[in-house]
Amino acid sequence: MIYRSTKNALAMLLMKLRLQSACITTNNCLSFRHQQPLIVSDCIRDVLKALKDGLVPHHLGYHRFTRESLLSNHMSSYFTKVLDIPDDSIVTILDGTYLYVEVTIA
């Protein structure tokens, strides 16, 4: 497609997220002509697919860690000694910071 580079596609996604606008509104803001009504939605779909395929598996989630990297880089020797944890064990501490509970109002 014309009018599309990596920077432009990412800018369209960020603009849409920031303004919380519909794709057609973003199309109009970016002065795309009526011949190309789906250019923003196509770009956003491609950016989200690229992020899902390239960014998420390598930089987010627990799949990016190996047991060896957790043991060598993320275990504190102080807490291992204080809590009397074996050297080959991994401790995970979870809190509710990112948990959201939806309450229904009847």
N, C-alpha and C. Protein backbone atom coordinates (compact mmCIF):
# COMPACT_ATOMS: atom_id res chain seq x y z
N MET A 1 0.84 -1.19 0.00
CA MET A 1 0.00 0.00 0.00
C MET A 1 0.87 1.24 0.00
N ILE A 2 0.35 2.30 -0.54
CA ILE A 2 1.07 3.56 -0.48
C ILE A 2 0.81 4.23 0.86
N TYR A 3 1.58 5.24 1.19
CA TYR A 3 1.49 5.98 2.44
C TYR A 3 1.88 5.13 3.65
N ARG A 4 2.56 4.00 3.45
CA ARG A 4 2.79 3.15 4.59
C ARG A 4 4.26 2.82 4.75
N SER A 5 4.78 3.14 5.90
CA SER A 5 6.09 2.69 6.31
C SER A 5 5.92 2.17 7.73
N THR A 6 6.97 1.61 8.28
CA THR A 6 6.88 1.08 9.64
C THR A 6 6.54 2.18 10.63
N LYS A 7 7.19 3.33 10.49
CA LYS A 7 6.93 4.45 11.40
C LYS A 7 5.50 4.96 11.25
N ASN A 8 5.02 5.06 10.00
CA ASN A 8 3.66 5.54 9.78
C ASN A 8 2.63 4.58 10.37
N ALA A 9 2.85 3.30 10.17
CA ALA A 9 1.91 2.30 10.68
C ALA A 9 1.86 2.34 12.21
N LEU A 10 3.03 2.44 12.85
CA LEU A 10 3.07 2.53 14.31
C LEU A 10 2.44 3.83 14.79
N ALA A 11 2.67 4.91 14.08
CA ALA A 11 2.05 6.19 14.44
C ALA A 11 0.53 6.11 14.34
N MET A 12 0.03 5.43 13.33
CA MET A 12 -1.43 5.26 13.21
C MET A 12 -2.00 4.49 14.39
N LEU A 13 -1.31 3.43 14.80
CA LEU A 13 -1.77 2.64 15.94
C LEU A 13 -1.77 3.49 17.21
N LEU A 14 -0.67 4.20 17.46
CA LEU A 14 -0.58 5.02 18.66
C LEU A 14 -1.62 6.15 18.65
N MET A 15 -1.84 6.73 17.49
CA MET A 15 -2.85 7.79 17.36
C MET A 15 -4.23 7.24 17.66
N LYS A 16 -4.54 6.08 17.12
CA LYS A 16 -5.85 5.47 17.36
C LYS A 16 -6.03 5.12 18.82
N LEU A 17 -4.99 4.58 19.46
CA LEU A 17 -5.07 4.24 20.87
C LEU A 17 -5.21 5.48 21.75
N ARG A 18 -4.45 6.51 21.43
CA ARG A 18 -4.46 7.73 22.23
C ARG A 18 -5.79 8.47 22.12
N LEU A 19 -6.31 8.58 20.90
CA LEU A 19 -7.54 9.34 20.68
C LEU A 19 -8.80 8.49 20.88
N GLN A 20 -8.63 7.19 20.98
CA GLN A 20 -9.76 6.27 21.11
C GLN A 20 -10.80 6.53 20.03
N SER A 21 -10.33 6.64 18.83
CA SER A 21 -11.22 6.98 17.71
C SER A 21 -11.44 5.76 16.83
N ALA A 22 -12.46 5.85 16.00
CA ALA A 22 -12.73 4.80 15.03
C ALA A 22 -11.71 4.91 13.89
N CYS A 23 -11.55 3.83 13.15
CA CYS A 23 -10.60 3.83 12.03
C CYS A 23 -10.96 4.86 10.99
N ILE A 24 -12.25 5.04 10.73
CA ILE A 24 -12.66 6.02 9.72
C ILE A 24 -12.31 7.44 10.16
N THR A 25 -12.40 7.72 11.46
CA THR A 25 -12.03 9.03 11.98
C THR A 25 -10.53 9.24 11.84
N THR A 26 -9.75 8.22 12.16
CA THR A 26 -8.31 8.31 12.00
C THR A 26 -7.94 8.47 10.53
N ASN A 27 -8.65 7.77 9.65
CA ASN A 27 -8.46 7.94 8.20
C ASN A 27 -8.65 9.40 7.81
N ASN A 28 -9.73 10.00 8.28
CA ASN A 28 -10.03 11.39 7.94
C ASN A 28 -8.99 12.35 8.54
N CYS A 29 -8.54 12.10 9.75
CA CYS A 29 -7.53 12.95 10.38
C CYS A 29 -6.22 12.92 9.60
N LEU A 30 -5.92 11.78 9.03
CA LEU A 30 -4.67 11.63 8.28
C LEU A 30 -4.84 11.97 6.80
N SER A 31 -6.01 12.46 6.44
CA SER A 31 -6.31 12.92 5.07
C SER A 31 -6.17 11.84 4.02
N PHE A 32 -6.52 10.60 4.36
CA PHE A 32 -6.56 9.56 3.35
C PHE A 32 -7.84 9.72 2.54
N ARG A 33 -7.76 9.47 1.29
CA ARG A 33 -8.88 9.66 0.38
C ARG A 33 -9.89 8.51 0.52
N HIS A 34 -11.06 8.73 0.00
CA HIS A 34 -12.12 7.73 0.08
C HIS A 34 -11.81 6.47 -0.73
N GLN A 35 -10.85 6.53 -1.66
CA GLN A 35 -10.47 5.34 -2.41
C GLN A 35 -9.78 4.32 -1.50
N GLN A 36 -9.28 4.77 -0.37
CA GLN A 36 -8.54 3.90 0.53
C GLN A 36 -9.16 3.93 1.93
N PRO A 37 -10.40 3.50 2.07
CA PRO A 37 -11.06 3.64 3.36
C PRO A 37 -10.51 2.72 4.45
N LEU A 38 -9.82 1.65 4.06
CA LEU A 38 -9.37 0.68 5.06
C LEU A 38 -7.88 0.75 5.34
N ILE A 39 -7.22 1.81 4.92
CA ILE A 39 -5.76 1.87 5.08
C ILE A 39 -5.36 1.86 6.55
N VAL A 40 -6.09 2.57 7.41
CA VAL A 40 -5.73 2.61 8.83
C VAL A 40 -5.99 1.25 9.48
N SER A 41 -7.13 0.65 9.21
CA SER A 41 -7.42 -0.66 9.82
C SER A 41 -6.45 -1.73 9.33
N ASP A 42 -6.05 -1.67 8.06
CA ASP A 42 -5.06 -2.61 7.54
C ASP A 42 -3.71 -2.43 8.23
N CYS A 43 -3.31 -1.18 8.40
CA CYS A 43 -2.03 -0.89 9.07
C CYS A 43 -2.05 -1.35 10.52
N ILE A 44 -3.14 -1.06 11.20
CA ILE A 44 -3.24 -1.45 12.61
C ILE A 44 -3.23 -2.96 12.75
N ARG A 45 -3.92 -3.66 11.88
CA ARG A 45 -3.92 -5.13 11.90
C ARG A 45 -2.50 -5.65 11.70
N ASP A 46 -1.77 -5.08 10.75
CA ASP A 46 -0.41 -5.52 10.48
C ASP A 46 0.54 -5.22 11.64
N VAL A 47 0.39 -4.05 12.26
CA VAL A 47 1.24 -3.69 13.40
C VAL A 47 0.97 -4.63 14.57
N LEU A 48 -0.30 -4.89 14.86
CA LEU A 48 -0.64 -5.78 15.97
C LEU A 48 -0.12 -7.20 15.72
N LYS A 49 -0.19 -7.66 14.49
CA LYS A 49 0.33 -8.99 14.15
C LYS A 49 1.86 -9.01 14.33
N ALA A 50 2.52 -7.94 13.88
CA ALA A 50 3.98 -7.88 14.03
C ALA A 50 4.39 -7.83 15.50
N LEU A 51 3.65 -7.07 16.31
CA LEU A 51 3.95 -7.02 17.75
C LEU A 51 3.72 -8.38 18.40
N LYS A 52 2.63 -9.03 18.03
CA LYS A 52 2.32 -10.34 18.60
C LYS A 52 3.36 -11.38 18.21
N ASP A 53 3.82 -11.34 16.95
CA ASP A 53 4.78 -12.33 16.48
C ASP A 53 6.22 -12.02 16.87
N GLY A 54 6.58 -10.73 16.93
CA GLY A 54 7.98 -10.38 17.14
C GLY A 54 8.33 -9.88 18.53
N LEU A 55 7.46 -9.10 19.14
CA LEU A 55 7.78 -8.48 20.42
C LEU A 55 7.39 -9.35 21.61
N VAL A 56 6.18 -9.81 21.62
CA VAL A 56 5.64 -10.52 22.79
C VAL A 56 6.42 -11.78 23.13
N PRO A 57 6.70 -12.68 22.19
CA PRO A 57 7.41 -13.90 22.58
C PRO A 57 8.82 -13.67 23.10
N HIS A 58 9.46 -12.58 22.68
CA HIS A 58 10.86 -12.35 23.06
C HIS A 58 11.03 -11.43 24.26
N HIS A 59 10.02 -10.60 24.55
CA HIS A 59 10.22 -9.59 25.59
C HIS A 59 9.14 -9.58 26.68
N LEU A 60 8.05 -10.28 26.49
CA LEU A 60 6.97 -10.30 27.49
C LEU A 60 6.59 -11.74 27.82
N GLY A 61 6.08 -11.94 29.02
CA GLY A 61 5.61 -13.26 29.41
C GLY A 61 6.70 -14.11 30.02
N TYR A 62 6.28 -15.19 30.62
CA TYR A 62 7.23 -16.06 31.31
C TYR A 62 8.00 -16.97 30.35
N HIS A 63 7.59 -17.08 29.10
CA HIS A 63 8.28 -17.95 28.15
C HIS A 63 9.67 -17.44 27.80
N ARG A 64 9.93 -16.16 28.02
CA ARG A 64 11.23 -15.62 27.64
C ARG A 64 12.33 -15.98 28.64
N PHE A 65 11.95 -16.48 29.81
CA PHE A 65 12.94 -16.84 30.83
C PHE A 65 13.25 -18.33 30.76
N THR A 66 14.49 -18.65 31.01
CA THR A 66 14.87 -20.05 31.20
C THR A 66 15.12 -20.25 32.69
N ARG A 67 15.09 -21.48 33.11
CA ARG A 67 15.32 -21.79 34.52
C ARG A 67 16.70 -21.31 34.95
N GLU A 68 17.68 -21.51 34.09
CA GLU A 68 19.05 -21.11 34.41
C GLU A 68 19.18 -19.59 34.57
N SER A 69 18.51 -18.83 33.68
CA SER A 69 18.60 -17.37 33.80
C SER A 69 17.88 -16.88 35.05
N LEU A 70 16.79 -17.53 35.41
CA LEU A 70 16.10 -17.14 36.65
C LEU A 70 16.98 -17.42 37.87
N LEU A 71 17.59 -18.58 37.90
CA LEU A 71 18.45 -18.92 39.04
C LEU A 71 19.66 -18.01 39.13
N SER A 72 20.28 -17.69 38.00
CA SER A 72 21.51 -16.90 38.06
C SER A 72 21.27 -15.39 38.16
N ASN A 73 20.19 -14.89 37.60
CA ASN A 73 20.00 -13.44 37.52
C ASN A 73 18.88 -12.88 38.41
N HIS A 74 17.96 -13.72 38.83
CA HIS A 74 16.78 -13.16 39.50
C HIS A 74 16.53 -13.71 40.90
N MET A 75 17.42 -14.51 41.42
CA MET A 75 17.27 -15.03 42.78
C MET A 75 18.27 -14.33 43.70
N SER A 76 17.76 -13.77 44.77
CA SER A 76 18.61 -13.07 45.73
C SER A 76 19.22 -14.07 46.72
N SER A 77 20.52 -14.00 46.88
CA SER A 77 21.17 -14.92 47.82
C SER A 77 20.75 -14.62 49.26
N TYR A 78 20.43 -13.37 49.55
CA TYR A 78 19.98 -12.98 50.89
C TYR A 78 18.69 -13.72 51.25
N PHE A 79 17.69 -13.65 50.38
CA PHE A 79 16.42 -14.29 50.68
C PHE A 79 16.53 -15.81 50.61
N THR A 80 17.42 -16.30 49.78
CA THR A 80 17.64 -17.74 49.73
C THR A 80 18.15 -18.25 51.07
N LYS A 81 19.04 -17.48 51.69
CA LYS A 81 19.58 -17.88 53.00
C LYS A 81 18.57 -17.65 54.12
N VAL A 82 17.89 -16.51 54.10
CA VAL A 82 16.94 -16.18 55.16
C VAL A 82 15.76 -17.15 55.17
N LEU A 83 15.24 -17.47 54.00
CA LEU A 83 14.08 -18.36 53.91
C LEU A 83 14.46 -19.83 53.83
N ASP A 84 15.76 -20.12 53.89
CA ASP A 84 16.27 -21.49 53.84
C ASP A 84 15.73 -22.24 52.62
N ILE A 85 15.96 -21.65 51.46
CA ILE A 85 15.50 -22.22 50.19
C ILE A 85 16.67 -22.96 49.55
N PRO A 86 16.46 -24.16 49.05
CA PRO A 86 17.55 -24.88 48.36
C PRO A 86 18.06 -24.08 47.16
N ASP A 87 19.33 -24.28 46.83
CA ASP A 87 19.97 -23.50 45.76
C ASP A 87 19.33 -23.70 44.40
N ASP A 88 18.71 -24.84 44.16
CA ASP A 88 18.14 -25.10 42.84
C ASP A 88 16.64 -24.81 42.78
N SER A 89 16.10 -24.09 43.77
CA SER A 89 14.67 -23.75 43.80
C SER A 89 14.45 -22.32 43.36
N ILE A 90 13.30 -22.08 42.79
CA ILE A 90 12.92 -20.74 42.34
C ILE A 90 11.70 -20.31 43.13
N VAL A 91 11.74 -19.08 43.64
CA VAL A 91 10.63 -18.53 44.40
C VAL A 91 9.95 -17.47 43.55
N THR A 92 8.64 -17.53 43.51
CA THR A 92 7.86 -16.55 42.77
C THR A 92 6.99 -15.79 43.76
N ILE A 93 7.05 -14.48 43.69
CA ILE A 93 6.22 -13.64 44.56
C ILE A 93 5.20 -12.94 43.67
N LEU A 94 3.95 -13.11 43.98
CA LEU A 94 2.87 -12.51 43.19
C LEU A 94 2.07 -11.56 44.06
N ASP A 95 1.66 -10.46 43.47
CA ASP A 95 0.75 -9.56 44.16
C ASP A 95 -0.41 -9.26 43.23
N GLY A 96 -1.36 -8.51 43.69
CA GLY A 96 -2.56 -8.25 42.89
C GLY A 96 -2.53 -6.94 42.14
N THR A 97 -1.34 -6.42 41.85
CA THR A 97 -1.23 -5.12 41.20
C THR A 97 -1.95 -5.06 39.87
N TYR A 98 -1.81 -6.10 39.07
CA TYR A 98 -2.37 -6.06 37.72
C TYR A 98 -3.61 -6.92 37.56
N LEU A 99 -4.21 -7.33 38.67
CA LEU A 99 -5.45 -8.10 38.61
C LEU A 99 -6.63 -7.15 38.69
N TYR A 100 -7.56 -7.33 37.80
CA TYR A 100 -8.75 -6.48 37.78
C TYR A 100 -9.98 -7.35 38.02
N VAL A 101 -10.82 -6.90 38.90
CA VAL A 101 -12.04 -7.64 39.22
C VAL A 101 -13.22 -6.82 38.72
N GLU A 102 -14.05 -7.48 37.95
CA GLU A 102 -15.23 -6.80 37.43
C GLU A 102 -16.41 -7.14 38.32
N VAL A 103 -17.04 -6.11 38.85
CA VAL A 103 -18.16 -6.28 39.76
C VAL A 103 -19.43 -5.90 39.00
N THR A 104 -20.41 -6.79 39.05
CA THR A 104 -21.67 -6.47 38.39
C THR A 104 -22.56 -5.71 39.36
N ILE A 105 -23.24 -4.72 38.83
CA ILE A 105 -24.15 -3.93 39.65
C ILE A 105 -25.57 -4.34 39.28
N ALA A 106 -26.28 -4.88 40.24
CA ALA A 106 -27.64 -5.35 39.95
C ALA A 106 -28.68 -4.33 40.37
